[in-house]
Amino acid sequence: MVTAPRAVIALLGILLTAGASPAQTLQGRVVDGETGIPLPGASVQVDGGAPGFITDANGEFRAELPDREVQVTIRLIGYSLGVFRLRASASSTDRTFPLDFNGHRLPDVVVRARAEQLMPRYLDFETRRQRKLGAFFRWDEMRDAGFSSVSDALRTVRGVRIQCNQQTFECLAVMARAPRCHPTWWIDGMEVNSFHENTPIRDIYGIEIYRGAGEIPGEFSGSNAACGVIVIWTKSRPFR
């Protein structure tokens, strides 16, 4: 039996080591994209392989990454699928992965608890919603109805019409009582000049629709009140 000299073996080891890309460590943390709360029990895949990681009680996981761009896929019941592309740029990379809550396959009591948790930001909206003066949609109601855009929701409101321009592919909402003027739009408490009704509802928390001066609360009233008012509240995503 012929044995390679030790010097040759050592040289081969050096060459193999030099040709290999050093492994990089990903310190990952999965959180709720709106509240920042850590999400334990999430399944993490790197580059489409079998689920190799489950986040711990702090929503954290650790993975070794090659020195190239990879895809990280994260799944958790009640949240939309998270797909992220990243390239580790140092020997250790810290990264936060925000997921979007959708309530899918969760009990209603959990969905309601989340709404109550977020209520401080949307307290005025929830207060007016309880009074039922006007028409209201909250994110969970729009999700259950299968709406994909603001106009989908507005089309279901009695007294609201959607007028679409086939040449520009734009749609505008008008009130049946005043079809010749456009309603005033408010976004997150600020009056705006216009808003596209085809905007996706993914980032919308709630919609308020007031069809005439008799329905409009004082904080949204003005000289154009007869044309109606539509109020949009967007979801805050500070962790995105």
Protein backbone atom coordinates (compact mmCIF):
# COMPACT_ATOMS: atom_id res chain seq x y z
CA MET A 1 0.00 0.00 0.00
CA VAL A 2 1.42 3.38 -1.06
CA THR A 3 1.01 6.22 1.41
CA ALA A 4 1.22 9.84 0.25
CA PRO A 5 3.94 11.83 1.96
CA ARG A 6 2.74 13.98 4.83
CA ALA A 7 3.92 17.11 3.08
CA VAL A 8 1.70 16.39 0.05
CA ILE A 9 -1.32 15.75 2.28
CA ALA A 10 -0.70 19.00 4.13
CA LEU A 11 -0.39 20.89 0.86
CA LEU A 12 -3.68 19.45 -0.42
CA GLY A 13 -5.36 20.49 2.80
CA ILE A 14 -4.14 24.05 2.39
CA LEU A 15 -5.34 24.23 -1.22
CA LEU A 16 -8.79 22.86 -0.36
CA THR A 17 -9.14 25.28 2.51
CA ALA A 18 -8.09 28.23 0.37
CA GLY A 19 -10.63 27.33 -2.33
CA ALA A 20 -13.59 27.02 0.04
CA SER A 21 -15.72 30.05 0.83
CA PRO A 22 -15.86 30.73 4.56
CA ALA A 23 -19.24 30.07 6.16
CA GLN A 24 -21.09 33.13 7.41
CA THR A 25 -23.44 33.16 10.35
CA LEU A 26 -26.90 34.64 10.08
CA GLN A 27 -28.41 35.77 13.37
CA GLY A 28 -32.08 36.03 12.39
CA ARG A 29 -35.04 37.40 14.30
CA VAL A 30 -38.64 36.99 13.08
CA VAL A 31 -41.10 39.64 14.25
CA ASP A 32 -44.62 40.91 13.62
CA GLY A 33 -44.19 43.61 10.96
CA GLU A 34 -46.61 45.99 12.67
CA THR A 35 -46.03 45.49 16.40
CA GLY A 36 -42.43 44.25 16.44
CA ILE A 37 -43.38 41.38 18.76
CA PRO A 38 -41.04 38.36 18.37
CA LEU A 39 -42.65 35.34 16.70
CA PRO A 40 -41.64 31.96 18.13
CA GLY A 41 -42.35 28.70 16.32
CA ALA A 42 -41.85 30.05 12.79
CA SER A 43 -40.45 27.62 10.21
CA VAL A 44 -37.40 28.93 8.35
CA GLN A 45 -36.02 27.58 5.07
CA VAL A 46 -32.79 28.69 3.43
CA ASP A 47 -32.64 28.35 -0.38
CA GLY A 48 -35.76 26.18 -0.57
CA GLY A 49 -34.39 23.26 1.43
CA ALA A 50 -36.29 21.27 4.02
CA PRO A 51 -37.37 23.34 7.03
CA GLY A 52 -34.15 23.49 8.97
CA PHE A 53 -34.89 26.03 11.66
CA ILE A 54 -37.66 26.87 14.12
CA THR A 55 -37.54 30.22 15.85
CA ASP A 56 -37.12 30.12 19.62
CA ALA A 57 -39.11 31.92 22.31
CA ASN A 58 -37.48 35.19 21.28
CA GLY A 59 -38.30 34.68 17.60
CA GLU A 60 -34.63 34.03 16.86
CA PHE A 61 -32.75 31.46 14.79
CA ARG A 62 -29.18 30.94 13.62
CA ALA A 63 -28.03 29.62 10.25
CA GLU A 64 -24.79 29.19 8.34
CA LEU A 65 -24.88 30.89 4.94
CA PRO A 66 -22.70 30.50 1.85
CA ASP A 67 -20.95 33.55 0.45
CA ARG A 68 -23.63 34.28 -2.15
CA GLU A 69 -27.19 35.54 -2.37
CA VAL A 70 -29.72 33.19 -0.80
CA GLN A 71 -33.48 33.08 -0.34
CA VAL A 72 -34.92 32.82 3.15
CA THR A 73 -38.53 31.62 3.35
CA ILE A 74 -40.49 31.89 6.60
CA ARG A 75 -43.86 30.32 7.42
CA LEU A 76 -46.10 30.80 10.44
CA ILE A 77 -49.82 30.20 10.91
CA GLY A 78 -51.68 33.52 11.01
CA TYR A 79 -49.07 35.32 8.89
CA SER A 80 -48.45 35.74 5.18
CA LEU A 81 -45.55 33.81 3.68
CA GLY A 82 -42.31 35.75 4.08
CA VAL A 83 -39.74 35.52 1.26
CA PHE A 84 -36.49 37.46 1.63
CA ARG A 85 -33.35 37.69 -0.52
CA LEU A 86 -30.10 38.52 1.20
CA ARG A 87 -26.37 38.24 0.91
CA ALA A 88 -24.23 37.91 4.00
CA SER A 89 -21.71 40.74 3.91
CA ALA A 90 -19.60 39.90 6.96
CA SER A 91 -18.56 36.92 9.05
CA SER A 92 -21.74 37.45 11.07
CA THR A 93 -24.96 39.08 9.83
CA ASP A 94 -27.83 40.27 12.01
CA ARG A 95 -31.17 40.54 10.25
CA THR A 96 -34.77 41.12 11.32
CA PHE A 97 -37.48 39.44 9.23
CA PRO A 98 -40.95 41.08 9.55
CA LEU A 99 -44.07 39.05 8.72
CA ASP A 100 -47.50 40.43 7.79
CA PHE A 101 -50.37 39.31 10.01
CA ASN A 102 -53.40 37.96 8.13
CA GLY A 103 -55.21 35.92 10.80
CA HIS A 104 -55.54 32.92 8.47
CA ARG A 105 -56.42 29.70 10.32
CA LEU A 106 -56.45 31.48 13.68
CA PRO A 107 -59.46 31.48 16.04
CA ASP A 108 -61.63 34.62 15.94
CA VAL A 109 -60.77 35.37 19.56
CA VAL A 110 -57.09 35.72 18.58
CA VAL A 111 -57.93 38.08 15.71
CA ARG A 112 -60.12 40.21 17.98
CA ALA A 113 -57.40 40.31 20.63
CA ARG A 114 -54.96 41.66 18.08
CA ALA A 115 -57.40 44.37 17.01
CA GLU A 116 -57.76 45.42 20.64
CA GLN A 117 -53.99 45.41 21.02
CA LEU A 118 -53.64 47.82 18.10
CA MET A 119 -56.59 49.97 19.16
CA PRO A 120 -54.52 52.79 20.75
CA ARG A 121 -53.35 53.82 17.26
CA TYR A 122 -56.84 53.56 15.82
CA LEU A 123 -58.89 54.52 18.86
CA ASP A 124 -60.84 57.29 17.10
CA PHE A 125 -61.64 54.98 14.19
CA GLU A 126 -62.93 52.28 16.55
CA THR A 127 -64.99 54.81 18.51
CA ARG A 128 -66.72 56.13 15.37
CA ARG A 129 -67.16 52.57 14.12
CA GLN A 130 -69.12 51.69 17.26
CA ARG A 131 -71.44 54.65 16.67
CA LYS A 132 -72.26 53.27 13.18
CA LEU A 133 -72.80 56.71 11.66
CA GLY A 134 -71.55 56.09 8.13
CA ALA A 135 -70.11 52.91 6.60
CA PHE A 136 -67.02 51.21 8.00
CA PHE A 137 -64.62 48.47 7.02
CA ARG A 138 -61.87 47.05 9.20
CA TRP A 139 -58.95 45.02 7.83
CA ASP A 140 -60.31 41.67 9.05
CA GLU A 141 -63.72 42.34 7.46
CA MET A 142 -62.09 43.25 4.15
CA ARG A 143 -59.96 40.12 4.32
CA ASP A 144 -62.99 37.89 4.99
CA ALA A 145 -64.88 39.55 2.12
CA GLY A 146 -62.00 38.88 -0.28
CA PHE A 147 -61.54 42.52 -1.30
CA SER A 148 -58.32 43.23 -3.21
CA SER A 149 -58.57 47.02 -3.54
CA VAL A 150 -60.26 50.02 -1.98
CA SER A 151 -62.75 50.18 -4.83
CA ASP A 152 -63.81 46.57 -4.12
CA ALA A 153 -64.94 47.69 -0.68
CA LEU A 154 -66.50 50.96 -1.84
CA ARG A 155 -68.58 49.18 -4.50
CA THR A 156 -70.49 47.37 -1.76
CA VAL A 157 -71.55 50.56 0.04
CA ARG A 158 -75.04 51.79 -0.68
CA GLY A 159 -74.93 55.33 -2.02
CA VAL A 160 -71.41 55.07 -3.45
CA ARG A 161 -70.64 54.74 -7.15
CA ILE A 162 -67.35 53.88 -8.84
CA GLN A 163 -66.71 55.73 -12.11
CA CYS A 164 -63.90 54.23 -14.22
CA ASN A 165 -62.08 55.79 -17.15
CA GLN A 166 -61.37 53.04 -19.67
CA GLN A 167 -58.63 55.09 -21.36
CA THR A 168 -56.59 55.90 -18.25
CA PHE A 169 -57.62 52.76 -16.32
CA GLU A 170 -58.39 54.92 -13.30
CA CYS A 171 -61.45 54.66 -11.09
CA LEU A 172 -62.93 57.37 -8.89
CA ALA A 173 -65.56 57.15 -6.19
CA VAL A 174 -68.52 59.55 -6.06
CA MET A 175 -71.57 59.74 -3.86
CA ALA A 176 -74.92 58.98 -5.47
CA ARG A 177 -76.35 62.13 -3.85
CA ALA A 178 -73.67 64.33 -5.47
CA PRO A 179 -72.29 62.51 -8.54
CA ARG A 180 -70.84 65.67 -10.08
CA CYS A 181 -68.32 66.38 -7.35
CA HIS A 182 -65.65 64.26 -5.74
CA PRO A 183 -65.53 63.37 -2.05
CA THR A 184 -62.80 64.63 0.26
CA TRP A 185 -60.16 62.06 1.15
CA TRP A 186 -58.35 61.80 4.48
CA ILE A 187 -55.31 59.55 4.96
CA ASP A 188 -54.14 58.89 8.53
CA GLY A 189 -55.74 62.10 9.78
CA MET A 190 -54.46 64.32 6.96
CA GLU A 191 -56.64 65.74 4.18
CA VAL A 192 -55.27 64.88 0.74
CA ASN A 193 -56.10 66.08 -2.76
CA SER A 194 -56.73 62.67 -4.29
CA PHE A 195 -56.48 58.95 -3.76
CA HIS A 196 -56.54 56.02 -6.15
CA GLU A 197 -59.38 53.64 -5.38
CA ASN A 198 -57.41 50.83 -7.03
CA THR A 199 -54.89 50.95 -4.20
CA PRO A 200 -54.42 47.44 -2.70
CA ILE A 201 -55.88 47.00 0.77
CA ARG A 202 -52.96 45.00 2.11
CA ASP A 203 -51.64 47.97 4.11
CA ILE A 204 -55.01 49.42 5.13
CA TYR A 205 -56.35 49.06 8.66
CA GLY A 206 -59.75 50.64 8.12
CA ILE A 207 -61.99 52.72 5.85
CA GLU A 208 -64.70 55.21 6.86
CA ILE A 209 -67.29 56.35 4.30
CA TYR A 210 -69.56 59.35 4.93
CA ARG A 211 -72.05 59.94 2.12
CA GLY A 212 -73.30 63.41 3.03
CA ALA A 213 -73.15 66.28 5.50
CA GLY A 214 -75.59 64.55 7.85
CA GLU A 215 -73.16 61.67 8.48
CA ILE A 216 -69.84 63.49 8.61
CA PRO A 217 -68.30 63.96 12.10
CA GLY A 218 -66.96 67.40 12.99
CA GLU A 219 -63.28 66.50 12.54
CA PHE A 220 -63.86 65.73 8.84
CA SER A 221 -66.41 68.41 7.97
CA GLY A 222 -65.71 71.27 5.59
CA SER A 223 -67.06 73.34 2.71
CA ASN A 224 -67.07 70.27 0.46
CA ALA A 225 -68.94 68.06 2.92
CA ALA A 226 -71.93 67.66 0.58
CA CYS A 227 -69.68 65.66 -1.77
CA GLY A 228 -68.94 63.14 0.96
CA VAL A 229 -65.83 62.09 2.84
CA ILE A 230 -63.73 58.92 2.67
CA VAL A 231 -61.20 58.29 5.44
CA ILE A 232 -58.38 55.76 5.14
CA TRP A 233 -56.29 54.47 8.03
CA THR A 234 -53.14 52.64 7.02
CA LYS A 235 -51.28 50.01 8.98
CA SER A 236 -48.11 51.16 10.68
CA ARG A 237 -45.19 48.91 9.69
CA PRO A 238 -42.19 50.40 11.51
CA PHE A 239 -40.35 47.07 11.50
CA ARG A 240 -40.40 46.62 7.73
